[in-house]
Protein backbone atom coordinates (compact mmCIF):
# COMPACT_ATOMS: atom_id res chain seq x y z
CA UNK A 1 0.00 0.00 0.00
CA UNK A 2 1.39 3.41 -0.98
CA UNK A 3 -0.48 6.64 -0.26
CA UNK A 4 0.04 9.55 -2.65
CA UNK A 5 0.34 12.13 0.10
CA UNK A 6 2.92 14.91 -0.60
CA UNK A 7 3.68 15.39 3.09
CA UNK A 8 4.25 11.66 3.60
CA UNK A 9 6.48 11.35 0.52
CA UNK A 10 8.61 14.30 1.69
CA UNK A 11 8.92 12.76 5.18
CA UNK A 12 10.09 9.44 3.70
CA UNK A 13 12.74 11.25 1.62
CA UNK A 14 13.90 13.22 4.69
CA UNK A 15 14.10 9.99 6.69
CA UNK A 16 16.39 8.26 4.21
CA UNK A 17 18.54 11.35 3.70
CA UNK A 18 19.06 11.54 7.47
CA UNK A 19 19.89 7.83 7.75
CA UNK A 20 22.32 7.82 4.81
CA UNK A 21 23.98 11.01 6.04
CA UNK A 22 24.51 9.48 9.50
CA UNK A 23 26.03 6.40 7.87
CA UNK A 24 28.29 8.58 5.72
CA UNK A 25 29.57 10.60 8.69
CA UNK A 26 30.18 7.54 10.86
CA UNK A 27 32.10 5.66 8.16
CA UNK A 28 33.88 8.55 6.41
CA UNK A 29 34.59 11.01 9.21
CA UNK A 30 34.72 8.87 12.36
CA UNK A 31 35.79 5.31 11.59
CA UNK A 32 38.19 6.01 8.70
CA UNK A 33 39.76 8.96 10.54
CA UNK A 34 40.07 7.64 14.08
CA UNK A 35 39.96 3.81 13.83
CA UNK A 36 41.72 3.05 10.56
CA UNK A 37 44.44 0.94 12.25
CA UNK A 38 42.15 -0.70 14.81
CA UNK A 39 39.89 -3.73 14.70
CA UNK A 40 37.19 -1.54 16.21
CA UNK A 41 36.87 0.17 12.82
CA UNK A 42 35.46 -2.84 10.87
CA UNK A 43 33.42 -3.84 13.92
CA UNK A 44 31.64 -0.47 14.12
CA UNK A 45 31.14 -0.29 10.34
CA UNK A 46 29.48 -3.73 10.24
CA UNK A 47 27.40 -3.14 13.39
CA UNK A 48 26.25 0.34 12.40
CA UNK A 49 25.28 -0.75 8.89
CA UNK A 50 23.48 -3.81 10.23
CA UNK A 51 21.29 -1.53 12.31
CA UNK A 52 20.76 0.68 9.24
CA UNK A 53 19.68 -2.37 7.25
CA UNK A 54 17.20 -3.49 9.93
CA UNK A 55 15.90 0.08 10.17
CA UNK A 56 15.30 0.24 6.42
CA UNK A 57 13.63 -3.18 6.33
CA UNK A 58 11.23 -2.32 9.14
CA UNK A 59 10.51 1.10 7.63
CA UNK A 60 9.78 -0.33 4.18
CA UNK A 61 7.49 -2.94 5.71
CA UNK A 62 5.65 -0.25 7.67
CA UNK A 63 5.34 1.84 4.49
CA UNK A 64 4.28 -0.92 2.10
CA UNK A 65 2.29 -3.24 4.37
CA UNK A 66 -1.47 -3.29 4.56
CA UNK A 67 -2.20 -1.57 7.91
CA UNK A 68 -5.50 -3.43 8.20
CA UNK A 69 -7.74 -2.17 5.41
CA UNK A 70 -11.42 -2.98 5.75
CA UNK A 71 -12.44 -4.45 2.37
CA UNK A 72 -14.88 -2.42 0.30
CA UNK A 73 -18.12 -4.15 -0.77
CA UNK A 74 -18.30 -5.35 -4.37
CA UNK A 75 -21.81 -3.97 -4.69
CA UNK A 76 -23.44 -0.93 -3.15
CA UNK A 77 -24.87 -1.82 0.25
CA UNK A 78 -28.28 -0.77 1.53
CA UNK A 79 -28.11 1.18 4.80
CA UNK A 80 -31.70 2.41 4.69
CA UNK A 81 -32.58 0.49 7.84
CA UNK A 82 -29.85 2.33 9.72
CA UNK A 83 -30.52 5.78 8.26
CA UNK A 84 -34.23 5.45 9.08
CA UNK A 85 -33.51 4.34 12.64
CA UNK A 86 -34.62 0.77 12.04
CA UNK A 87 -33.58 -2.10 14.27
CA UNK A 88 -30.19 -3.52 13.58
CA UNK A 89 -29.47 -7.19 13.33
CA UNK A 90 -28.74 -8.85 16.65
CA UNK A 91 -25.34 -10.07 15.46
CA UNK A 92 -24.39 -6.46 14.60
CA UNK A 93 -25.24 -5.32 18.09
CA UNK A 94 -23.37 -8.21 19.61
CA UNK A 95 -20.23 -7.63 17.55
CA UNK A 96 -20.35 -3.82 17.75
CA UNK A 97 -20.06 -3.41 13.99
CA UNK A 98 -20.57 0.12 12.73
CA UNK A 99 -21.16 1.75 9.36
CA UNK A 100 -18.72 4.05 7.57
CA UNK A 101 -20.68 6.48 5.43
CA UNK A 102 -17.53 7.44 3.48
CA UNK A 103 -16.59 3.87 2.52
CA UNK A 104 -20.26 2.82 2.47
CA UNK A 105 -19.51 -0.44 4.20
CA UNK A 106 -19.77 -2.16 7.54
CA UNK A 107 -16.62 -2.05 9.64
CA UNK A 108 -15.57 -4.22 12.60
CA UNK A 109 -15.08 -2.96 16.16
CA UNK A 110 -12.16 -0.55 16.72
CA UNK A 111 -11.89 0.26 13.00
CA UNK A 112 -11.71 3.95 12.05
CA UNK A 113 -11.73 5.90 8.80
CA UNK A 114 -8.54 7.67 7.72
CA UNK A 115 -9.10 10.88 5.77
CA UNK A 116 -5.67 10.62 4.12
CA UNK A 117 -5.80 6.95 3.14
CA UNK A 118 -9.54 7.34 2.43
CA UNK A 119 -10.21 3.89 3.87
CA UNK A 120 -11.26 2.33 7.15
CA UNK A 121 -8.37 0.74 9.07
CA UNK A 122 -8.68 -2.03 11.62
CA UNK A 123 -7.48 -0.92 15.06
CA UNK A 124 -6.15 2.31 13.60
CA UNK A 125 -3.82 4.18 15.95
CA UNK A 126 -2.96 7.18 13.78
CA UNK A 127 -1.77 8.19 10.32
CA UNK A 128 2.00 8.69 10.39
CA UNK A 129 3.60 10.89 7.68
CA UNK A 130 7.03 9.35 8.42
CA UNK A 131 5.86 6.05 6.95
CA UNK A 132 3.26 7.65 4.66
CA UNK A 133 0.77 5.12 5.95
CA UNK A 134 -1.62 4.44 8.78
CA UNK A 135 -0.41 2.64 11.89
CA UNK A 136 -2.93 -0.13 12.31
CA UNK A 137 -3.49 -3.73 13.24
CA UNK A 138 -1.18 -5.26 10.63
CA UNK A 139 1.81 -2.89 10.57
CA UNK A 140 2.09 -1.46 14.09
CA UNK A 141 4.78 -4.04 14.81
CA UNK A 142 6.94 -2.73 11.94
CA UNK A 143 6.33 0.87 13.00
CA UNK A 144 7.56 0.12 16.53
CA UNK A 145 10.58 -1.74 15.13
CA UNK A 146 11.41 1.29 13.01
CA UNK A 147 11.23 3.59 16.06
CA UNK A 148 13.42 1.26 18.12
CA UNK A 149 16.11 1.07 15.42
CA UNK A 150 16.10 4.85 14.91
CA UNK A 151 16.61 5.28 18.67
CA UNK A 152 19.44 2.71 18.74
CA UNK A 153 21.10 4.28 15.70
CA UNK A 154 20.88 7.78 17.21
CA UNK A 155 22.41 6.63 20.52
CA UNK A 156 25.12 4.67 18.68
CA UNK A 157 26.06 7.67 16.51
CA UNK A 158 26.32 10.04 19.49
CA UNK A 159 28.43 7.48 21.38
CA UNK A 160 30.84 7.10 18.45
CA UNK A 161 31.23 10.88 18.13
CA UNK A 162 31.98 11.23 21.85
CA UNK A 163 34.48 8.35 21.82
CA UNK A 164 36.23 9.73 18.74
CA UNK A 165 36.88 13.04 20.53
CA UNK A 166 37.57 11.74 24.04
CA UNK A 167 40.30 9.27 23.11
CA UNK A 168 43.54 10.52 21.63
CA UNK A 169 43.99 9.82 17.94
CA UNK A 170 47.62 10.06 16.80
CA UNK A 171 46.68 8.82 13.30
CA UNK A 172 44.19 11.65 12.73
CA UNK A 173 45.05 14.20 10.08
CA UNK A 174 46.45 17.51 11.33
CA UNK A 175 45.24 19.37 8.24
CA UNK A 176 43.10 22.29 9.43
CA UNK A 177 40.54 22.01 6.61
CA UNK A 178 40.02 18.29 7.29
CA UNK A 179 39.69 18.85 11.04
CA UNK A 180 37.14 21.63 10.49
CA UNK A 181 35.12 19.44 8.11
CA UNK A 182 35.16 16.59 10.60
CA UNK A 183 34.03 18.86 13.43
CA UNK A 184 31.22 20.28 11.29
CA UNK A 185 29.94 16.86 10.24
CA UNK A 186 30.14 15.53 13.80
CA UNK A 187 28.20 18.51 15.18
CA UNK A 188 25.48 18.08 12.55
CA UNK A 189 25.33 14.34 13.28
CA UNK A 190 24.97 14.90 17.04
CA UNK A 191 22.20 17.47 16.52
CA UNK A 192 20.39 15.20 14.06
CA UNK A 193 20.74 12.16 16.33
CA UNK A 194 19.57 14.06 19.42
CA UNK A 195 16.55 15.48 17.58
CA UNK A 196 15.42 12.19 16.04
CA UNK A 197 16.32 10.26 19.18
CA UNK A 198 14.14 12.36 21.48
CA UNK A 199 11.35 12.34 18.89
CA UNK A 200 11.20 8.54 18.55
CA UNK A 201 11.50 7.99 22.31
CA UNK A 202 8.44 10.19 22.85
CA UNK A 203 6.48 8.27 20.19
CA UNK A 204 7.68 4.90 21.56
CA UNK A 205 6.47 5.78 25.05
CA UNK A 206 3.09 6.74 23.59
CA UNK A 207 2.91 3.51 21.58
CA UNK A 208 3.69 1.27 24.54
CA UNK A 209 1.23 3.14 26.76
CA UNK A 210 -1.43 2.56 24.11
CA UNK A 211 -0.57 -1.15 23.74
CA UNK A 212 -0.39 -1.87 27.47
CA UNK A 213 -3.56 0.15 28.04
CA UNK A 214 -5.28 -1.72 25.18
CA UNK A 215 -6.34 1.60 23.73
CA UNK A 216 -5.37 3.25 20.44
CA UNK A 217 -4.58 6.94 20.12
CA UNK A 218 -7.92 7.59 18.38
CA UNK A 219 -9.84 5.77 21.12
CA UNK A 220 -8.00 7.78 23.77
CA UNK A 221 -8.86 11.06 22.03
CA UNK A 222 -12.49 10.06 21.54
CA UNK A 223 -12.74 8.71 25.07
CA UNK A 224 -14.02 5.44 23.65
CA UNK A 225 -11.98 2.88 25.55
CA UNK A 226 -12.15 -0.68 24.30
CA UNK A 227 -13.50 -3.18 26.81
CA UNK A 228 -13.16 -6.89 26.30
CA UNK A 229 -16.51 -8.60 26.65
CA UNK A 230 -15.25 -12.15 26.92
CA UNK A 231 -12.56 -11.49 29.49
CA UNK A 232 -12.99 -8.63 31.93
CA UNK A 233 -9.65 -9.21 33.62
CA UNK A 234 -6.66 -7.16 32.48
CA UNK A 235 -4.48 -9.22 30.12
CA UNK A 236 -0.85 -9.68 30.99
CA UNK A 237 1.82 -7.46 29.47
CA UNK A 238 3.21 -10.18 27.20
CA UNK A 239 -0.28 -11.04 26.00
CA UNK A 240 -0.95 -7.45 24.99
CA UNK A 241 2.44 -7.14 23.30
CA UNK A 242 1.89 -10.44 21.48
CA UNK A 243 -1.32 -9.05 19.99
CA UNK A 244 0.85 -6.52 18.16
CA UNK A 245 4.15 -8.36 17.69
CA UNK A 246 2.77 -11.82 16.93
CA UNK A 247 2.98 -15.20 18.63
CA UNK A 248 6.66 -15.78 17.90
CA UNK A 249 9.25 -15.79 20.70
CA UNK A 250 9.80 -12.30 22.22
CA UNK A 251 13.46 -12.51 21.20
CA UNK A 252 12.30 -12.39 17.56
CA UNK A 253 9.96 -9.42 17.95
CA UNK A 254 12.58 -6.96 16.70
CA UNK A 255 13.24 -8.90 13.49
CA UNK A 256 11.22 -7.41 10.59
CA UNK A 257 10.56 -10.78 8.99
CA UNK A 258 7.63 -12.27 10.94
CA UNK A 259 4.22 -11.22 9.67
CA UNK A 260 1.27 -10.71 12.04
CA UNK A 261 -1.87 -12.87 11.64
CA UNK A 262 -3.92 -12.37 8.49
CA UNK A 263 -7.66 -11.75 8.49
CA UNK A 264 -10.30 -12.71 5.95
CA UNK A 265 -13.74 -11.18 5.73
CA UNK A 266 -16.97 -12.96 4.97
CA UNK A 267 -18.96 -11.65 2.02
CA UNK A 268 -21.66 -10.28 4.29
CA UNK A 269 -19.00 -8.21 6.09
CA UNK A 270 -20.35 -9.21 9.49
CA UNK A 271 -17.80 -11.79 10.61
CA UNK A 272 -14.06 -12.25 10.37
CA UNK A 273 -11.90 -15.34 10.62
CA UNK A 274 -8.31 -15.56 11.78
CA UNK A 275 -5.78 -17.08 9.46
CA UNK A 276 -2.23 -17.84 10.48
């Protein structure tokens, strides 16, 4: 899924420019200048670029994955019974299905309409311009992975800059122009890393609060908290996290290669079935 939103496209471009610039500064102006005769140089290059690769994989999955689109009906549906205040079917009341007048279709509980995507999204949290996509039931895992890797990369970059200036470097060039260029690039990298790092930490905290509270950002704003009818007890932390990250082992939750469960809709749009 790719949304043709100018703001989202610009944010994606800015994201990759920032990531590639950080990689360039770390490799060109830190590792090659201060660790060229040390085994730490190849180690940091491989580690830093591995994190970059995982970041890009999770970001691309968050951008291109279906966030949980509610299928549109093949034929125009009749909502006259609802518009005229008629009685709804008992199964609708039991399952809390609602009607989206924009999509002209029934939608399951906790689904909301996105004005930018112009579709209803299952368990929609918000529309994020940085992935040019909604954060919903099927891609929230990748969005959180992306945030985690950005935070790790920012902290790693700042640490490498500090270490490169704290420890003496006899191999470093004494050319004034080169030293000034290195200082300039390092300052820009620290500012960029600090800015993006604080930004993603704030979003991560909000995401985990929403997951552990079993409440999306839209539900929190609307004051429409989701209550589980079948189980009134509060689920455990791992259970709530597994609903987003999948049923794989927690050690694999940060790998952007395990897809969440798939969902199929019945033709009458009143029931859904889980598919692994």
